[in-house]
Amino acid sequence: MRNLLKFMQDFVGLWMVRVDGMIHPSAAGDPILAPLHRSFLISSILSGVAALIVLPLHLALAGPPHAAVLLVLTWMMSQWPLALFLSRSGALNRTICLSSCLFACLVATICLLTGGLRSFALPWLLVPVMETAFATNRKTPLLVAVLCTGLAGGLALLPLPEMQIAASDRDIPLYTALGALIYAGVLSLRLTLDRLLARRAVGRTQSRLDMIAQGSSDVVCDLAQDGAIRVLGGSVAGLIGAFPVDEGEDWLFPRLHVADRPLYLTHLSEARHNGEAKRFTVRVRVGASRPGETGLPEYRHLILKLQQSQLESGGAPDQQSRLILTLSATAARTSENTVAPSQVKPGQEVSQPDVDDGSKFGEQPVLSGCLIRSDDLAATGEAAFSADRDFAHMPARLPETGAAPGKGGVAGSVDISACLEQCRDLLSPVASRRSVMLDLAAGSDLPMVAVNAKSVRQALYFLLADMIETCGEGALITVSAKCESAGLDCVLSVRNRPSGLPWCADGSELVFDSALSLLESAGGHLSVRAVAGQGDCVVVHLPLGAPSKAANPMARTA
């Protein structure tokens, strides 16, 4: 008995493999269409096999079959050509329509020969409509329903032929009704099984998408023409806090900063009408804060990418009505994935995301890495700035022009205005090529500072060069000085950026570390100060008296 079960299991498995091989290639990999093709092929093959078995047995045991039985056996055998047509063409809807129409015509013929509307086979006229539930469009069930209605009307209006086949058994109407119920139950079971398999396939696909979303910090959305945003993947709550389900379908625009909304609408219009992919940085309100509540709302810099969807209508013109919107965190929120300054080796490149907002926001500047590695590159004889043509001619260290007090690490009286003028003379060519304006006139009545002049000039050179590279075209870099009892504070800030976004110091940690080490050796220190409406400002503190120990370079103060 066990061997018989093993044989039957192997036989069924081999037969299912053959059936799967008959599925058309266009539907073999589809989790929804493949079960529908498989169920139709199996039912068609079993129907033809049953006809080949029943006909000889009926002839041997009961004699010649009834005319209605012959018609049914003929219909069962006709399923083999339909299965072959489906396997060769892959047209599931057309095949189901042909099978249902053929079955409806068979039932109408039997009814016509067995009493018309009083025929025992009339309940079977409802079965072809049920078979169309396996189709994937609306036309097939409508067409078959119209055909069955027309056949029923023809049976009611047309005269019956003189040759009528009388039923030999009074219980035939009962048997046919039971047969119709059993056949409808089998169809319902097939339909339920197919829907279950489709649901499992969709569940597996959704689980795979959820796993991908957990490993990705980006959020991908479908942006419709009316502004409705549908999240396709990614965690919105992890990117901007609470998921904005209470703000309607267009939940992004109300959360944008007022100054960033014109930029967003401009890029949206260009991406929708010109087909250009746009990538820019905006400020988005996070959490559950609302305008008008007590306190200031919290904003977060996000990278937005707009591009046209290429998956609609095979490239038809209406595909321009939908866009793919991608929201990504800036480099400040992905700093855990960056390389620490102490881990950067000579010649090693640090990759950062590229943002096209006119300012290279969030990108590790090419000049920054080159300046920091200048000593190692010079020791190996390599070109220090071959990566950027604007800075290729610039020296890695300031030339020692004039009698600079404080040489050799000894602190002396230094004129900070003279240091700024020297940096301006060296950086003006690069700033002009990048359309950046420099206003380094901190003042002529500044007091002398007791620091090492060479290290201070080099630190200011690093900071100003990095700000030129990251501020964007058309910006203005200013230096202001404030004298206090503890020392002299030089504030470096960026204004008038064309993008309207405030300058952010994120991504310049390598430059700050290098400038800090120089200022520490000179007796000063630096910090980053966040100013409302202006962004980050770099504050270089220089002592008036004896040199003091530096503080944390990236400590932000309100």
Protein backbone atom coordinates (compact mmCIF):
# COMPACT_ATOMS: atom_id res chain seq x y z
CA MET A 1 0.00 0.00 0.00
CA ARG A 2 2.86 2.35 0.84
CA ASN A 3 4.50 1.63 -2.51
CA LEU A 4 1.24 2.37 -4.29
CA LEU A 5 0.92 5.70 -2.53
CA LYS A 6 4.53 6.51 -3.36
CA PHE A 7 3.90 5.65 -7.00
CA MET A 8 0.79 7.80 -7.16
CA GLN A 9 2.59 10.71 -5.52
CA ASP A 10 5.46 10.51 -7.99
CA PHE A 11 3.06 10.16 -10.91
CA VAL A 12 1.03 13.21 -9.87
CA GLY A 13 4.21 15.22 -9.28
CA LEU A 14 5.55 14.31 -12.73
CA TRP A 15 2.22 15.12 -14.34
CA MET A 16 2.09 18.55 -12.60
CA VAL A 17 5.57 19.28 -13.91
CA ARG A 18 4.36 18.51 -17.43
CA VAL A 19 1.34 20.78 -16.94
CA ASP A 20 3.55 23.62 -15.69
CA GLY A 21 5.65 23.16 -18.82
CA MET A 22 2.53 23.80 -20.94
CA ILE A 23 1.93 27.24 -19.41
CA HIS A 24 2.71 30.05 -21.82
CA PRO A 25 6.00 31.87 -21.04
CA SER A 26 4.18 35.19 -20.70
CA ALA A 27 2.20 33.83 -17.73
CA ALA A 28 4.66 31.31 -16.26
CA GLY A 29 6.34 33.90 -14.04
CA ASP A 30 3.18 35.81 -13.10
CA PRO A 31 1.93 34.90 -9.59
CA ILE A 32 -1.67 35.80 -10.57
CA LEU A 33 -2.00 34.43 -14.11
CA ALA A 34 0.01 31.22 -13.65
CA PRO A 35 -2.55 29.58 -11.29
CA LEU A 36 -5.40 30.51 -13.66
CA HIS A 37 -3.61 28.94 -16.63
CA ARG A 38 -2.74 25.88 -14.57
CA SER A 39 -6.30 25.27 -13.35
CA PHE A 40 -7.76 25.61 -16.85
CA LEU A 41 -5.18 23.22 -18.34
CA ILE A 42 -5.76 20.64 -15.59
CA SER A 43 -9.55 20.78 -15.91
CA SER A 44 -9.39 20.55 -19.70
CA ILE A 45 -7.03 17.59 -19.66
CA LEU A 46 -9.08 15.75 -17.02
CA SER A 47 -12.28 16.48 -18.97
CA GLY A 48 -10.91 14.86 -22.13
CA VAL A 49 -9.51 11.89 -20.20
CA ALA A 50 -12.88 11.36 -18.50
CA ALA A 51 -14.64 11.35 -21.89
CA LEU A 52 -12.25 8.70 -23.22
CA ILE A 53 -12.92 6.53 -20.16
CA VAL A 54 -16.70 6.98 -19.95
CA LEU A 55 -17.51 6.29 -23.63
CA PRO A 56 -16.03 2.74 -23.81
CA LEU A 57 -17.46 1.81 -20.43
CA HIS A 58 -20.91 3.05 -21.44
CA LEU A 59 -20.78 1.09 -24.67
CA ALA A 60 -19.70 -2.05 -22.83
CA LEU A 61 -22.05 -1.88 -19.89
CA ALA A 62 -25.14 0.11 -21.02
CA GLY A 63 -25.10 -0.03 -24.76
CA PRO A 64 -25.31 2.97 -27.10
CA PRO A 65 -25.41 6.25 -25.14
CA HIS A 66 -28.21 8.79 -25.22
CA ALA A 67 -27.97 11.61 -27.75
CA ALA A 68 -27.57 14.13 -24.93
CA VAL A 69 -24.74 12.02 -23.46
CA LEU A 70 -22.99 12.02 -26.83
CA LEU A 71 -23.22 15.81 -26.98
CA VAL A 72 -21.73 16.09 -23.47
CA LEU A 73 -18.89 13.69 -24.32
CA THR A 74 -18.19 15.68 -27.47
CA TRP A 75 -17.95 18.89 -25.47
CA MET A 76 -15.59 17.20 -22.99
CA MET A 77 -13.29 16.11 -25.80
CA SER A 78 -13.35 19.62 -27.30
CA GLN A 79 -11.49 20.93 -24.23
CA TRP A 80 -8.21 19.44 -25.47
CA PRO A 81 -7.93 21.79 -28.48
CA LEU A 82 -8.75 24.71 -26.20
CA ALA A 83 -5.98 23.68 -23.78
CA LEU A 84 -3.54 23.47 -26.69
CA PHE A 85 -4.66 26.91 -27.91
CA LEU A 86 -4.09 28.40 -24.46
CA SER A 87 -0.66 26.81 -24.18
CA ARG A 88 0.45 28.15 -27.57
CA SER A 89 -1.11 31.63 -27.44
CA GLY A 90 -1.37 32.53 -23.74
CA ALA A 91 -4.72 34.28 -24.43
CA LEU A 92 -6.56 33.27 -21.26
CA ASN A 93 -9.59 35.54 -21.69
CA ARG A 94 -10.18 34.45 -25.27
CA THR A 95 -9.86 30.78 -24.32
CA ILE A 96 -12.30 31.08 -21.42
CA CYS A 97 -14.73 32.95 -23.63
CA LEU A 98 -14.58 30.23 -26.31
CA SER A 99 -15.00 27.47 -23.72
CA SER A 100 -17.99 29.16 -22.07
CA CYS A 101 -19.68 29.98 -25.38
CA LEU A 102 -19.18 26.41 -26.56
CA PHE A 103 -20.69 25.06 -23.35
CA ALA A 104 -23.64 27.48 -23.60
CA CYS A 105 -24.35 26.37 -27.16
CA LEU A 106 -24.15 22.72 -26.04
CA VAL A 107 -26.69 23.27 -23.25
CA ALA A 108 -28.99 25.23 -25.59
CA THR A 109 -28.86 22.41 -28.17
CA ILE A 110 -29.76 19.80 -25.55
CA CYS A 111 -32.61 21.98 -24.30
CA LEU A 112 -33.86 22.45 -27.85
CA LEU A 113 -34.00 18.68 -28.36
CA THR A 114 -35.51 17.84 -24.97
CA GLY A 115 -38.46 20.20 -24.55
CA GLY A 116 -37.15 23.76 -24.69
CA LEU A 117 -37.78 25.70 -21.48
CA ARG A 118 -39.19 22.49 -19.91
CA SER A 119 -35.96 20.63 -20.55
CA PHE A 120 -34.07 18.98 -17.70
CA ALA A 121 -30.82 20.64 -18.93
CA LEU A 122 -32.07 24.24 -18.60
CA PRO A 123 -30.37 24.85 -15.15
CA TRP A 124 -27.00 24.19 -16.82
CA LEU A 125 -27.43 27.41 -18.82
CA LEU A 126 -26.24 29.29 -15.71
CA VAL A 127 -22.95 27.40 -15.53
CA PRO A 128 -21.18 29.12 -18.50
CA VAL A 129 -21.60 32.47 -16.79
CA MET A 130 -19.87 31.08 -13.70
CA GLU A 131 -16.94 29.84 -15.77
CA THR A 132 -16.18 33.39 -16.88
CA ALA A 133 -15.23 34.25 -13.27
CA PHE A 134 -11.72 32.97 -14.15
CA ALA A 135 -11.27 35.68 -16.77
CA THR A 136 -9.23 38.79 -16.09
CA ASN A 137 -11.38 41.39 -17.87
CA ARG A 138 -14.99 42.52 -17.80
CA LYS A 139 -15.85 41.87 -21.43
CA THR A 140 -15.78 38.08 -21.15
CA PRO A 141 -18.57 37.63 -18.52
CA LEU A 142 -20.70 40.31 -20.17
CA LEU A 143 -20.39 38.65 -23.57
CA VAL A 144 -21.20 35.18 -22.23
CA ALA A 145 -24.11 36.51 -20.17
CA VAL A 146 -25.57 38.20 -23.25
CA LEU A 147 -25.14 34.96 -25.22
CA CYS A 148 -26.88 32.85 -22.53
CA THR A 149 -29.70 35.37 -22.34
CA GLY A 150 -30.11 35.29 -26.10
CA LEU A 151 -30.15 31.48 -26.14
CA ALA A 152 -32.80 31.39 -23.40
CA GLY A 153 -34.88 33.90 -25.34
CA GLY A 154 -34.49 31.82 -28.47
CA LEU A 155 -35.72 28.72 -26.66
CA ALA A 156 -38.77 30.67 -25.52
CA LEU A 157 -39.63 32.27 -28.86
CA LEU A 158 -38.52 29.79 -31.51
CA PRO A 159 -40.67 26.75 -32.30
CA LEU A 160 -39.28 23.41 -31.17
CA PRO A 161 -38.22 20.85 -33.81
CA GLU A 162 -40.51 17.93 -34.47
CA MET A 163 -37.81 15.44 -33.45
CA GLN A 164 -37.79 15.49 -29.65
CA ILE A 165 -35.75 13.18 -27.47
CA ALA A 166 -37.77 11.92 -24.54
CA ALA A 167 -36.09 11.23 -21.23
CA SER A 168 -36.10 7.54 -20.38
CA ASP A 169 -36.05 8.11 -16.63
CA ARG A 170 -38.31 10.34 -14.58
CA ASP A 171 -35.46 11.13 -12.20
CA ILE A 172 -33.27 12.70 -14.91
CA PRO A 173 -34.26 16.31 -13.93
CA LEU A 174 -33.14 15.54 -10.38
CA TYR A 175 -29.87 14.04 -11.58
CA THR A 176 -29.16 16.97 -13.89
CA ALA A 177 -29.90 19.47 -11.11
CA LEU A 178 -27.53 17.62 -8.77
CA GLY A 179 -24.94 17.51 -11.53
CA ALA A 180 -25.26 21.26 -12.08
CA LEU A 181 -24.83 21.87 -8.36
CA ILE A 182 -21.74 19.64 -8.22
CA TYR A 183 -20.21 21.30 -11.29
CA ALA A 184 -20.91 24.76 -9.85
CA GLY A 185 -19.35 23.66 -6.57
CA VAL A 186 -16.23 22.49 -8.38
CA LEU A 187 -16.01 25.82 -10.20
CA SER A 188 -16.41 27.66 -6.91
CA LEU A 189 -13.69 25.52 -5.36
CA ARG A 190 -11.37 26.27 -8.28
CA LEU A 191 -12.14 29.96 -7.98
CA THR A 192 -11.50 29.95 -4.23
CA LEU A 193 -8.24 28.05 -4.67
CA ASP A 194 -7.04 30.46 -7.34
CA ARG A 195 -7.85 33.46 -5.17
CA LEU A 196 -6.04 31.84 -2.24
CA LEU A 197 -2.94 31.24 -4.34
CA ALA A 198 -3.10 34.81 -5.64
CA ARG A 199 -3.45 36.14 -2.11
CA ARG A 200 -0.43 34.14 -1.00
CA ALA A 201 1.58 35.44 -3.94
CA VAL A 202 0.63 39.03 -3.13
CA GLY A 203 1.50 38.42 0.51
CA ARG A 204 4.94 37.08 -0.42
CA THR A 205 5.52 40.07 -2.67
CA GLN A 206 4.44 42.49 0.05
CA SER A 207 6.68 40.75 2.58
CA ARG A 208 9.60 41.08 0.18
CA LEU A 209 8.85 44.77 -0.29
CA ASP A 210 8.61 45.25 3.48
CA MET A 211 12.00 43.60 3.94
CA ILE A 212 13.50 45.86 1.29
CA ALA A 213 11.89 48.90 2.92
CA GLN A 214 13.36 47.96 6.31
CA GLY A 215 16.84 47.94 4.83
CA SER A 216 16.41 51.21 2.94
CA SER A 217 16.16 54.70 4.36
CA ASP A 218 14.50 56.10 1.21
CA VAL A 219 10.75 56.48 0.69
CA VAL A 220 9.38 55.91 -2.83
CA CYS A 221 5.96 57.39 -3.68
CA ASP A 222 3.64 57.58 -6.66
CA LEU A 223 2.74 61.21 -7.40
CA ALA A 224 -0.47 61.50 -9.42
CA GLN A 225 -1.43 64.41 -11.64
CA ASP A 226 -3.86 65.79 -9.05
CA GLY A 227 -1.11 65.84 -6.40
CA ALA A 228 -2.18 62.67 -4.59
CA ILE A 229 0.81 60.84 -3.09
CA ARG A 230 0.72 57.07 -2.61
CA VAL A 231 3.59 55.45 -0.71
CA LEU A 232 5.08 52.54 -2.67
CA GLY A 233 7.88 51.60 -0.30
CA GLY A 234 9.92 52.82 2.63
CA SER A 235 9.13 54.03 6.12
CA VAL A 236 7.62 57.52 6.14
CA ALA A 237 7.38 57.45 9.92
CA GLY A 238 11.09 56.72 10.20
CA LEU A 239 11.98 59.62 7.90
CA ILE A 240 9.70 62.45 9.02
CA GLY A 241 8.17 61.12 12.22
CA ALA A 242 4.44 60.50 12.51
CA PHE A 243 2.86 59.22 9.29
CA PRO A 244 0.71 62.07 7.90
CA VAL A 245 -2.53 60.14 7.41
CA ASP A 246 -4.62 63.02 8.74
CA GLU A 247 -3.47 65.55 6.17
CA GLY A 248 -5.21 64.12 3.13
CA GLU A 249 -3.70 62.65 0.04
CA ASP A 250 -1.30 65.51 -0.67
CA TRP A 251 0.54 65.31 2.66
CA LEU A 252 3.97 66.52 1.48
CA PHE A 253 3.25 70.08 0.29
CA PRO A 254 1.69 71.30 3.58
CA ARG A 255 4.80 70.09 5.43
CA LEU A 256 7.27 71.88 3.18
CA HIS A 257 8.91 75.04 4.44
CA VAL A 258 7.25 78.15 2.98
CA ALA A 259 10.52 79.26 1.35
CA ASP A 260 10.96 75.84 -0.31
CA ARG A 261 7.49 75.53 -1.84
CA PRO A 262 8.26 77.63 -4.98
CA LEU A 263 11.35 75.49 -5.61
CA TYR A 264 9.30 72.30 -5.22
CA LEU A 265 6.54 73.50 -7.56
CA THR A 266 9.06 74.65 -10.17
CA HIS A 267 10.87 71.32 -10.25
CA LEU A 268 7.55 69.47 -10.22
CA SER A 269 6.34 71.38 -13.27
CA GLU A 270 9.61 70.81 -15.15
CA ALA A 271 9.63 67.11 -14.34
CA ARG A 272 6.01 66.66 -15.40
CA HIS A 273 6.03 68.69 -18.63
CA ASN A 274 9.66 68.45 -19.81
CA GLY A 275 10.39 64.92 -18.63
CA GLU A 276 13.51 66.02 -16.76
CA ALA A 277 14.60 64.18 -13.62
CA LYS A 278 15.01 66.66 -10.77
CA ARG A 279 17.00 66.21 -7.56
CA PHE A 280 17.02 68.92 -4.89
CA THR A 281 16.97 69.52 -1.13
CA VAL A 282 14.03 70.92 0.84
CA ARG A 283 13.06 71.43 4.46
CA VAL A 284 10.17 69.29 5.67
CA ARG A 285 8.32 69.69 8.95
CA VAL A 286 8.66 66.52 10.99
CA GLY A 287 6.69 65.02 13.84
CA ALA A 288 3.16 66.08 14.69
CA SER A 289 3.82 69.83 14.90
CA ARG A 290 1.30 72.16 13.29
CA PRO A 291 1.56 75.82 12.34
CA GLY A 292 0.14 78.01 15.09
CA GLU A 293 1.01 75.70 17.96
CA THR A 294 3.13 76.83 20.87
CA GLY A 295 6.83 76.69 20.05
CA LEU A 296 8.75 76.53 16.80
CA PRO A 297 8.18 73.68 14.33
CA GLU A 298 11.01 71.26 13.70
CA TYR A 299 12.28 71.04 10.12
CA ARG A 300 14.52 68.43 8.58
CA HIS A 301 16.50 68.63 5.34
CA LEU A 302 15.42 65.93 2.87
CA ILE A 303 16.54 65.11 -0.66
CA LEU A 304 13.68 64.91 -3.17
CA LYS A 305 13.98 63.25 -6.56
CA LEU A 306 11.29 63.57 -9.23
CA GLN A 307 11.24 61.41 -12.36
CA GLN A 308 8.63 60.18 -14.78
CA SER A 309 7.20 56.70 -14.44
CA GLN A 310 8.10 54.44 -17.36
CA LEU A 311 5.71 51.59 -16.49
CA GLU A 312 2.39 52.92 -17.74
CA SER A 313 0.70 52.18 -21.04
CA GLY A 314 3.91 51.10 -22.73
CA GLY A 315 5.20 54.63 -23.25
CA ALA A 316 1.85 56.20 -24.12
CA PRO A 317 1.47 59.96 -23.68
CA ASP A 318 -0.65 59.57 -20.55
CA GLN A 319 2.32 58.19 -18.64
CA GLN A 320 3.43 61.78 -18.06
CA SER A 321 0.53 62.20 -15.64
CA ARG A 322 2.32 60.16 -12.96
CA LEU A 323 5.70 60.77 -11.37
CA ILE A 324 7.93 58.76 -9.06
CA LEU A 325 8.86 60.79 -5.96
CA THR A 326 11.80 59.62 -3.83
CA LEU A 327 12.49 61.09 -0.39
CA SER A 328 15.96 60.52 1.06
CA ALA A 329 17.76 61.65 4.16
CA THR A 330 20.66 64.07 3.74
CA ALA A 331 24.23 63.33 4.70
CA ALA A 332 23.60 64.76 8.15
CA ARG A 333 21.14 61.93 8.93
CA THR A 334 23.30 59.23 7.39
CA SER A 335 26.54 60.16 9.07
CA GLU A 336 26.70 56.76 10.71
CA ASN A 337 27.39 55.29 7.26
CA THR A 338 30.24 57.67 6.48
CA VAL A 339 33.91 57.15 7.11
CA ALA A 340 35.36 58.75 10.20
CA PRO A 341 38.21 61.22 9.63
CA SER A 342 40.64 59.01 11.51
CA GLN A 343 39.83 56.11 9.14
CA VAL A 344 40.58 58.03 5.93
CA LYS A 345 43.82 56.86 4.38
CA PRO A 346 45.93 58.69 1.81
CA GLY A 347 44.42 58.23 -1.64
CA GLN A 348 41.13 56.82 -0.27
CA GLU A 349 37.95 58.39 -1.65
CA VAL A 350 35.00 59.11 0.62
CA SER A 351 31.71 58.64 -1.25
CA GLN A 352 28.78 60.88 -0.41
CA PRO A 353 25.37 61.37 -2.03
CA ASP A 354 25.19 63.92 -4.81
CA VAL A 355 22.45 66.51 -4.58
CA ASP A 356 21.79 68.88 -7.43
CA ASP A 357 20.45 71.98 -5.71
CA GLY A 358 23.16 74.33 -6.90
CA SER A 359 25.11 73.99 -3.68
CA LYS A 360 26.22 70.36 -3.48
CA PHE A 361 24.46 70.12 -0.16
CA GLY A 362 25.34 66.92 1.68
CA GLU A 363 28.23 66.09 -0.64
CA GLN A 364 31.71 65.59 0.72
CA PRO A 365 33.63 68.38 -1.08
CA VAL A 366 36.48 67.32 -3.31
CA LEU A 367 38.65 70.15 -2.03
CA SER A 368 38.05 69.17 1.58
CA GLY A 369 39.48 65.72 1.18
CA CYS A 370 42.36 67.01 -0.91
CA LEU A 371 43.32 69.69 1.62
CA ILE A 372 43.24 67.28 4.52
CA ARG A 373 45.39 64.72 2.74
CA SER A 374 47.78 67.30 1.33
CA ASP A 375 50.64 66.41 3.65
CA ASP A 376 50.47 62.70 2.82
CA LEU A 377 50.07 63.34 -0.91
CA ALA A 378 52.98 65.73 -0.90
CA ALA A 379 55.10 63.15 0.90
CA THR A 380 54.36 60.55 -1.77
CA GLY A 381 54.83 63.02 -4.63
CA GLU A 382 51.23 62.78 -5.86
CA ALA A 383 49.20 65.67 -7.26
CA ALA A 384 47.14 67.06 -4.43
CA PHE A 385 44.18 68.44 -6.36
CA SER A 386 43.84 66.43 -9.51
CA ALA A 387 40.21 65.63 -8.68
CA ASP A 388 38.90 69.17 -9.16
CA ARG A 389 39.94 71.47 -11.95
CA ASP A 390 39.00 74.67 -10.10
CA PHE A 391 41.32 73.86 -7.23
CA ALA A 392 44.04 72.07 -9.19
CA HIS A 393 46.33 75.08 -9.22
CA MET A 394 45.85 76.04 -5.59
CA PRO A 395 48.62 75.29 -3.08
CA ALA A 396 48.04 72.83 -0.27
CA ARG A 397 49.70 75.22 2.16
CA LEU A 398 49.77 79.00 2.13
CA PRO A 399 53.06 80.50 0.91
CA GLU A 400 55.11 82.16 3.57
CA THR A 401 55.07 85.72 2.28
CA GLY A 402 56.27 88.59 4.40
CA ALA A 403 57.67 88.50 7.87
CA ALA A 404 55.05 86.46 9.65
CA PRO A 405 55.43 86.64 13.34
CA GLY A 406 55.06 83.52 15.36
CA LYS A 407 57.03 81.17 13.11
CA GLY A 408 57.97 77.79 14.30
CA GLY A 409 54.86 77.45 16.48
CA VAL A 410 55.71 80.46 18.64
CA ALA A 411 52.76 82.77 19.34
CA GLY A 412 53.14 86.43 18.48
CA SER A 413 51.11 89.52 17.64
CA VAL A 414 49.17 88.81 14.46
CA ASP A 415 46.99 91.14 12.39
CA ILE A 416 43.91 89.05 11.53
CA SER A 417 42.87 91.52 8.80
CA ALA A 418 46.13 90.86 6.96
CA CYS A 419 45.50 87.08 7.15
CA LEU A 420 42.02 87.50 5.69
CA GLU A 421 43.33 89.68 2.86
CA GLN A 422 45.91 87.06 1.96
CA CYS A 423 43.24 84.33 1.91
CA ARG A 424 41.03 86.54 -0.25
CA ASP A 425 43.83 87.08 -2.79
CA LEU A 426 44.42 83.33 -3.09
CA LEU A 427 40.74 82.33 -3.23
CA SER A 428 39.40 85.12 -5.47
CA PRO A 429 40.13 83.30 -8.79
CA VAL A 430 38.29 80.21 -7.65
CA ALA A 431 35.42 82.23 -6.19
CA SER A 432 35.00 84.19 -9.41
CA ARG A 433 34.84 81.03 -11.50
CA ARG A 434 32.13 79.70 -9.22
CA SER A 435 30.28 83.04 -9.10
CA VAL A 436 30.80 83.34 -5.36
CA MET A 437 31.33 86.78 -3.80
CA LEU A 438 33.75 87.31 -0.92
CA ASP A 439 33.36 90.00 1.74
CA LEU A 440 36.30 89.39 4.06
CA ALA A 441 36.72 92.97 5.34
CA ALA A 442 36.27 92.21 9.02
CA GLY A 443 37.50 95.66 10.03
CA SER A 444 40.65 97.73 10.19
CA ASP A 445 40.64 98.47 13.93
CA LEU A 446 40.81 94.87 15.09
CA PRO A 447 43.15 94.15 17.97
CA MET A 448 46.24 92.02 17.57
CA VAL A 449 45.87 88.38 18.57
CA ALA A 450 48.51 86.26 20.26
CA VAL A 451 48.55 83.17 18.00
CA ASN A 452 50.77 81.44 15.49
CA ALA A 453 50.20 83.33 12.24
CA LYS A 454 50.95 80.49 9.82
CA SER A 455 48.53 78.06 11.48
CA VAL A 456 45.73 80.66 11.66
CA ARG A 457 46.12 81.62 8.00
CA GLN A 458 46.08 77.95 7.00
CA ALA A 459 42.95 77.25 9.08
CA LEU A 460 41.08 80.23 7.60
CA TYR A 461 42.20 79.13 4.14
CA PHE A 462 40.72 75.65 4.74
CA LEU A 463 37.40 76.97 6.03
CA LEU A 464 36.90 79.60 3.33
CA ALA A 465 37.84 77.19 0.53
CA ASP A 466 35.34 74.63 1.81
CA MET A 467 32.59 77.26 2.06
CA ILE A 468 33.28 78.42 -1.51
CA GLU A 469 32.89 74.88 -2.74
CA THR A 470 29.68 74.09 -0.85
CA CYS A 471 27.75 77.37 -0.85
CA GLY A 472 26.66 77.30 -4.52
CA GLU A 473 26.78 79.86 -7.32
CA GLY A 474 25.70 83.41 -6.52
CA ALA A 475 26.23 83.13 -2.75
CA LEU A 476 28.02 85.69 -0.59
CA ILE A 477 30.59 84.69 2.02
CA THR A 478 31.09 87.26 4.77
CA VAL A 479 33.48 87.51 7.71
CA SER A 480 32.60 89.61 10.73
CA ALA A 481 34.63 90.09 13.89
CA LYS A 482 33.56 90.67 17.47
CA CYS A 483 36.02 91.53 20.20
CA GLU A 484 35.26 90.31 23.71
CA SER A 485 37.20 90.05 26.94
CA ALA A 486 37.97 86.40 26.28
CA GLY A 487 39.33 87.05 22.81
CA LEU A 488 38.43 87.79 19.19
CA ASP A 489 35.62 85.88 17.44
CA CYS A 490 35.67 85.75 13.63
CA VAL A 491 32.28 84.66 12.28
CA LEU A 492 32.26 83.10 8.76
CA SER A 493 28.75 82.91 7.25
CA VAL A 494 27.04 82.32 3.89
CA ARG A 495 24.21 84.51 2.60
CA ASN A 496 22.08 85.05 -0.53
CA ARG A 497 22.11 81.42 -1.70
CA PRO A 498 20.11 81.06 -4.95
CA SER A 499 18.36 77.93 -3.70
CA GLY A 500 17.00 79.82 -0.68
CA LEU A 501 18.27 77.12 1.68
CA PRO A 502 20.55 78.08 4.56
CA TRP A 503 24.11 76.85 4.40
CA CYS A 504 24.74 73.77 6.51
CA ALA A 505 28.11 72.61 7.84
CA ASP A 506 27.16 68.94 7.70
CA GLY A 507 29.59 67.04 5.52
CA SER A 508 32.54 69.32 6.34
CA GLU A 509 33.71 67.44 9.42
CA LEU A 510 37.01 66.54 7.79
CA VAL A 511 37.78 70.19 7.09
CA PHE A 512 36.81 71.17 10.61
CA ASP A 513 39.07 68.53 12.12
CA SER A 514 42.03 69.75 10.08
CA ALA A 515 41.32 73.42 10.85
CA LEU A 516 40.85 72.63 14.51
CA SER A 517 44.22 70.92 14.78
CA LEU A 518 45.84 74.00 13.23
CA LEU A 519 43.99 76.39 15.54
CA GLU A 520 44.82 74.30 18.57
CA SER A 521 48.50 74.51 17.73
CA ALA A 522 48.07 78.28 17.27
CA GLY A 523 46.16 78.74 20.53
CA GLY A 524 42.60 79.16 19.22
CA HIS A 525 39.55 76.99 18.55
CA LEU A 526 36.39 76.96 16.43
CA SER A 527 32.74 76.03 16.76
CA VAL A 528 29.60 75.94 14.64
CA ARG A 529 26.74 78.23 15.57
CA ALA A 530 23.21 77.79 14.19
CA VAL A 531 21.53 81.13 13.46
CA ALA A 532 17.79 81.20 12.76
CA GLY A 533 17.14 82.09 9.12
CA GLN A 534 20.83 82.08 8.16
CA GLY A 535 21.92 78.49 8.76
CA ASP A 536 25.29 77.53 10.23
CA CYS A 537 28.06 80.00 10.95
CA VAL A 538 31.65 79.03 11.68
CA VAL A 539 33.10 80.89 14.65
CA VAL A 540 36.90 81.05 14.93
CA HIS A 541 37.97 82.14 18.40
CA LEU A 542 41.44 83.67 18.77
CA PRO A 543 42.77 84.65 22.19
CA LEU A 544 44.03 88.12 22.93
CA GLY A 545 46.32 86.87 25.64
CA ALA A 546 47.96 83.50 26.21
CA PRO A 547 46.84 80.59 23.99
CA SER A 548 43.94 78.54 25.34
CA LYS A 549 42.87 74.94 24.80
CA ALA A 550 40.31 74.28 22.09
CA ALA A 551 36.75 73.14 22.50
CA ASN A 552 34.69 70.60 20.58
CA PRO A 553 34.80 71.72 16.92
CA MET A 554 31.27 70.60 16.03
CA ALA A 555 29.57 71.85 19.21
CA ARG A 556 26.53 73.83 18.11
CA THR A 557 25.30 76.79 20.08
CA ALA A 558 21.96 78.48 19.74
